[in-house]
């Protein structure tokens, strides 16, 4: 909420296919949500997609440093152990 207890949200007018809007309203109502809340979530996700796409394009330096094993280093034995684990 803004100053004086007033909401900072603004009403907007959009044009949407009537059949699409009806299906949207039914789904939103079935979920116990409001159309405004779902639309805000969709807009945020839409904008975040650009942010994440930009991060994925950045080339961070990859630094790999060798480490000393803390115990026996038998990769074959570990692979065999992992293969015999119950699947999820």
N, C-alpha and C. Protein backbone atom coordinates (compact mmCIF):
# COMPACT_ATOMS: atom_id res chain seq x y z
N UNK A 1 0.83 -1.18 0.00
CA UNK A 1 0.00 0.00 0.00
C UNK A 1 0.87 1.24 0.00
N UNK A 2 0.38 2.27 -0.59
CA UNK A 2 1.10 3.52 -0.64
C UNK A 2 0.85 4.36 0.61
N UNK A 3 1.20 5.62 0.51
CA UNK A 3 1.00 6.52 1.64
C UNK A 3 -0.48 6.73 1.89
N UNK A 4 -0.84 6.89 3.16
CA UNK A 4 -2.24 7.14 3.50
C UNK A 4 -3.11 5.92 3.34
N UNK A 5 -2.51 4.72 3.25
CA UNK A 5 -3.28 3.49 3.14
C UNK A 5 -3.86 3.22 1.77
N UNK A 6 -3.50 4.04 0.79
CA UNK A 6 -4.04 3.85 -0.56
C UNK A 6 -3.18 2.85 -1.32
N UNK A 7 -3.81 2.03 -2.12
CA UNK A 7 -3.09 1.04 -2.92
C UNK A 7 -2.34 1.74 -4.05
N UNK A 8 -1.14 1.25 -4.34
CA UNK A 8 -0.35 1.81 -5.43
C UNK A 8 -0.73 1.16 -6.76
N UNK A 9 -1.63 0.21 -6.72
CA UNK A 9 -2.02 -0.49 -7.94
C UNK A 9 -2.91 0.40 -8.80
N UNK A 10 -2.79 0.22 -10.10
CA UNK A 10 -3.60 1.00 -11.04
C UNK A 10 -4.43 0.06 -11.89
N UNK A 11 -5.61 0.51 -12.20
CA UNK A 11 -6.47 -0.27 -13.08
C UNK A 11 -5.99 -0.11 -14.52
N UNK A 12 -6.05 -1.21 -15.25
CA UNK A 12 -5.66 -1.21 -16.65
C UNK A 12 -6.78 -1.87 -17.46
N UNK A 13 -6.87 -1.47 -18.69
CA UNK A 13 -7.86 -2.07 -19.58
C UNK A 13 -7.11 -2.83 -20.67
N UNK A 14 -7.48 -4.09 -20.86
CA UNK A 14 -6.85 -4.90 -21.90
C UNK A 14 -7.93 -5.55 -22.74
N UNK A 15 -7.58 -5.93 -23.93
CA UNK A 15 -8.50 -6.64 -24.81
C UNK A 15 -8.08 -8.10 -24.88
N UNK A 16 -9.00 -8.98 -24.54
CA UNK A 16 -8.72 -10.41 -24.51
C UNK A 16 -9.86 -11.15 -25.18
N UNK A 17 -9.51 -12.20 -25.90
CA UNK A 17 -10.52 -13.06 -26.52
C UNK A 17 -11.53 -13.50 -25.44
N UNK A 18 -12.82 -13.32 -25.66
CA UNK A 18 -13.83 -13.65 -24.64
C UNK A 18 -13.79 -15.10 -24.18
N UNK A 19 -13.60 -16.03 -25.10
CA UNK A 19 -13.55 -17.44 -24.72
C UNK A 19 -12.32 -17.73 -23.86
N UNK A 20 -11.21 -17.14 -24.24
CA UNK A 20 -9.98 -17.32 -23.47
C UNK A 20 -10.15 -16.75 -22.06
N UNK A 21 -10.75 -15.55 -21.97
CA UNK A 21 -10.96 -14.92 -20.67
C UNK A 21 -11.90 -15.74 -19.80
N UNK A 22 -12.92 -16.31 -20.38
CA UNK A 22 -13.87 -17.14 -19.62
C UNK A 22 -13.17 -18.37 -19.05
N UNK A 23 -12.36 -19.02 -19.86
CA UNK A 23 -11.60 -20.19 -19.38
C UNK A 23 -10.63 -19.78 -18.27
N UNK A 24 -9.98 -18.63 -18.45
CA UNK A 24 -9.06 -18.10 -17.45
C UNK A 24 -9.78 -17.84 -16.13
N UNK A 25 -10.91 -17.17 -16.18
CA UNK A 25 -11.67 -16.86 -14.97
C UNK A 25 -12.12 -18.12 -14.24
N UNK A 26 -12.55 -19.13 -14.98
CA UNK A 26 -12.97 -20.38 -14.35
C UNK A 26 -11.81 -21.06 -13.64
N UNK A 27 -10.66 -21.09 -14.29
CA UNK A 27 -9.48 -21.72 -13.69
C UNK A 27 -9.04 -20.96 -12.45
N UNK A 28 -9.01 -19.64 -12.54
CA UNK A 28 -8.60 -18.81 -11.41
C UNK A 28 -9.55 -19.02 -10.24
N UNK A 29 -10.85 -19.03 -10.51
CA UNK A 29 -11.84 -19.22 -9.45
C UNK A 29 -11.71 -20.60 -8.82
N UNK A 30 -11.45 -21.61 -9.63
CA UNK A 30 -11.29 -22.98 -9.11
C UNK A 30 -10.09 -23.07 -8.18
N UNK A 31 -9.07 -22.24 -8.42
CA UNK A 31 -7.88 -22.22 -7.58
C UNK A 31 -8.04 -21.30 -6.37
N UNK A 32 -9.17 -20.59 -6.30
CA UNK A 32 -9.41 -19.69 -5.18
C UNK A 32 -8.54 -18.44 -5.23
N UNK A 33 -8.16 -18.02 -6.43
CA UNK A 33 -7.31 -16.85 -6.60
C UNK A 33 -8.09 -15.76 -7.32
N UNK A 34 -7.47 -14.61 -7.46
CA UNK A 34 -8.08 -13.53 -8.22
C UNK A 34 -7.36 -13.40 -9.56
N UNK A 35 -8.08 -12.89 -10.54
CA UNK A 35 -7.47 -12.68 -11.86
C UNK A 35 -6.29 -11.72 -11.74
N UNK A 36 -6.43 -10.68 -10.91
CA UNK A 36 -5.35 -9.71 -10.75
C UNK A 36 -4.10 -10.35 -10.20
N UNK A 37 -4.26 -11.20 -9.19
CA UNK A 37 -3.09 -11.86 -8.59
C UNK A 37 -2.39 -12.75 -9.60
N UNK A 38 -3.15 -13.49 -10.39
CA UNK A 38 -2.55 -14.39 -11.38
C UNK A 38 -1.87 -13.58 -12.48
N UNK A 39 -2.50 -12.51 -12.93
CA UNK A 39 -1.90 -11.69 -13.97
C UNK A 39 -0.61 -11.04 -13.48
N UNK A 40 -0.60 -10.55 -12.23
CA UNK A 40 0.63 -9.99 -11.68
C UNK A 40 1.74 -11.03 -11.65
N UNK A 41 1.40 -12.25 -11.24
CA UNK A 41 2.39 -13.33 -11.20
C UNK A 41 2.93 -13.62 -12.60
N UNK A 42 2.05 -13.67 -13.57
CA UNK A 42 2.46 -13.93 -14.95
C UNK A 42 3.37 -12.82 -15.47
N UNK A 43 3.05 -11.58 -15.16
CA UNK A 43 3.87 -10.45 -15.61
C UNK A 43 5.25 -10.51 -14.96
N UNK A 44 5.29 -10.78 -13.65
CA UNK A 44 6.58 -10.90 -12.96
C UNK A 44 7.43 -12.00 -13.58
N UNK A 45 6.82 -13.17 -13.81
CA UNK A 45 7.55 -14.28 -14.42
C UNK A 45 8.03 -13.93 -15.82
N UNK A 46 7.22 -13.23 -16.56
CA UNK A 46 7.58 -12.81 -17.92
C UNK A 46 8.81 -11.91 -17.88
N UNK A 47 8.82 -10.96 -16.93
CA UNK A 47 9.95 -10.04 -16.81
C UNK A 47 11.20 -10.75 -16.26
N UNK A 48 11.00 -11.69 -15.34
CA UNK A 48 12.13 -12.44 -14.80
C UNK A 48 12.81 -13.30 -15.86
N UNK A 49 12.05 -13.76 -16.83
CA UNK A 49 12.61 -14.59 -17.89
C UNK A 49 13.73 -13.82 -18.61
N UNK A 50 13.54 -12.53 -18.83
CA UNK A 50 14.59 -11.71 -19.47
C UNK A 50 15.82 -11.62 -18.58
N UNK A 51 15.59 -11.45 -17.28
CA UNK A 51 16.71 -11.35 -16.35
C UNK A 51 17.53 -12.64 -16.36
N UNK A 52 16.85 -13.78 -16.27
CA UNK A 52 17.55 -15.05 -16.25
C UNK A 52 18.23 -15.34 -17.58
N UNK A 53 17.61 -14.93 -18.67
CA UNK A 53 18.23 -15.13 -19.98
C UNK A 53 19.53 -14.34 -20.05
N UNK A 54 19.53 -13.14 -19.50
CA UNK A 54 20.74 -12.32 -19.49
C UNK A 54 21.83 -12.95 -18.64
N UNK A 55 21.45 -13.53 -17.51
CA UNK A 55 22.43 -14.17 -16.65
C UNK A 55 23.04 -15.40 -17.33
N UNK A 56 22.22 -16.12 -18.06
CA UNK A 56 22.70 -17.34 -18.73
C UNK A 56 23.70 -16.99 -19.83
N UNK A 57 23.57 -15.81 -20.41
CA UNK A 57 24.47 -15.41 -21.49
C UNK A 57 25.83 -14.92 -20.98
N UNK A 58 25.87 -14.52 -19.70
CA UNK A 58 27.14 -14.04 -19.14
C UNK A 58 28.12 -15.19 -19.02
N UNK A 59 29.35 -14.89 -19.33
CA UNK A 59 30.39 -15.90 -19.25
C UNK A 59 31.20 -15.69 -17.97
N UNK A 60 30.85 -16.43 -16.95
CA UNK A 60 31.59 -16.34 -15.69
C UNK A 60 32.85 -17.17 -15.82
N UNK A 61 33.93 -16.69 -15.24
CA UNK A 61 35.17 -17.49 -15.31
C UNK A 61 35.00 -18.79 -14.53
N UNK A 62 35.41 -19.86 -15.13
CA UNK A 62 35.32 -21.17 -14.50
C UNK A 62 36.68 -21.51 -13.92
N UNK A 63 36.70 -21.64 -12.62
CA UNK A 63 37.95 -21.95 -11.95
C UNK A 63 37.80 -23.32 -11.28
N UNK A 64 38.62 -24.24 -11.71
CA UNK A 64 38.61 -25.59 -11.14
C UNK A 64 39.95 -25.82 -10.47
N UNK A 65 39.88 -26.13 -9.21
CA UNK A 65 41.11 -26.39 -8.46
C UNK A 65 41.14 -27.84 -8.03
N UNK A 66 42.26 -28.50 -8.19
CA UNK A 66 42.34 -29.89 -7.74
C UNK A 66 42.24 -29.96 -6.22
N UNK A 67 41.64 -31.01 -5.73
CA UNK A 67 41.54 -31.23 -4.29
C UNK A 67 42.12 -32.59 -3.96
N UNK A 68 42.58 -32.71 -2.73
CA UNK A 68 43.09 -33.99 -2.28
C UNK A 68 41.93 -34.78 -1.69
N UNK A 69 41.81 -36.05 -2.03
CA UNK A 69 40.72 -36.85 -1.47
C UNK A 69 40.91 -37.01 0.04
N UNK A 70 39.76 -37.05 0.75
CA UNK A 70 39.82 -37.19 2.20
C UNK A 70 39.84 -38.67 2.61
N UNK A 71 39.59 -39.54 1.68
CA UNK A 71 39.60 -40.98 1.96
C UNK A 71 40.11 -41.72 0.76
N UNK A 72 39.85 -43.02 0.73
CA UNK A 72 40.28 -43.81 -0.44
C UNK A 72 39.64 -43.24 -1.71
N UNK A 73 40.41 -43.14 -2.76
CA UNK A 73 39.93 -42.55 -4.00
C UNK A 73 39.76 -43.62 -5.07
N UNK A 74 38.73 -44.43 -4.94
CA UNK A 74 38.46 -45.47 -5.93
C UNK A 74 37.15 -45.14 -6.63
N UNK A 75 37.25 -44.43 -7.76
CA UNK A 75 36.06 -43.99 -8.48
C UNK A 75 35.22 -45.17 -8.96
N UNK A 76 35.87 -46.24 -9.38
CA UNK A 76 35.13 -47.41 -9.86
C UNK A 76 34.24 -47.98 -8.77
N UNK A 77 34.75 -48.04 -7.57
CA UNK A 77 33.95 -48.57 -6.45
C UNK A 77 32.76 -47.66 -6.15
N UNK A 78 32.98 -46.35 -6.23
CA UNK A 78 31.89 -45.40 -5.95
C UNK A 78 30.82 -45.48 -7.04
N UNK A 79 31.23 -45.61 -8.29
CA UNK A 79 30.26 -45.75 -9.38
C UNK A 79 29.45 -47.02 -9.19
N UNK A 80 30.08 -48.11 -8.83
CA UNK A 80 29.38 -49.38 -8.59
C UNK A 80 28.37 -49.22 -7.46
N UNK A 81 28.77 -48.53 -6.39
CA UNK A 81 27.87 -48.31 -5.25
C UNK A 81 26.65 -47.49 -5.68
N UNK A 82 26.88 -46.45 -6.47
CA UNK A 82 25.79 -45.58 -6.90
C UNK A 82 24.84 -46.32 -7.84
N UNK A 83 25.37 -47.20 -8.69
CA UNK A 83 24.52 -47.97 -9.59
C UNK A 83 23.57 -48.89 -8.86
N UNK A 84 24.00 -49.35 -7.68
CA UNK A 84 23.19 -50.29 -6.92
C UNK A 84 22.23 -49.61 -5.94
N UNK A 85 22.22 -48.26 -5.93
CA UNK A 85 21.27 -47.56 -5.07
C UNK A 85 19.87 -47.72 -5.63
N UNK A 86 18.86 -47.79 -4.76
CA UNK A 86 17.49 -47.87 -5.27
C UNK A 86 17.14 -46.59 -6.04
N UNK A 87 16.44 -46.73 -7.12
CA UNK A 87 16.08 -45.56 -7.92
C UNK A 87 14.96 -44.79 -7.22
N UNK A 88 14.87 -43.53 -7.56
CA UNK A 88 13.87 -42.65 -6.94
C UNK A 88 12.52 -42.85 -7.58
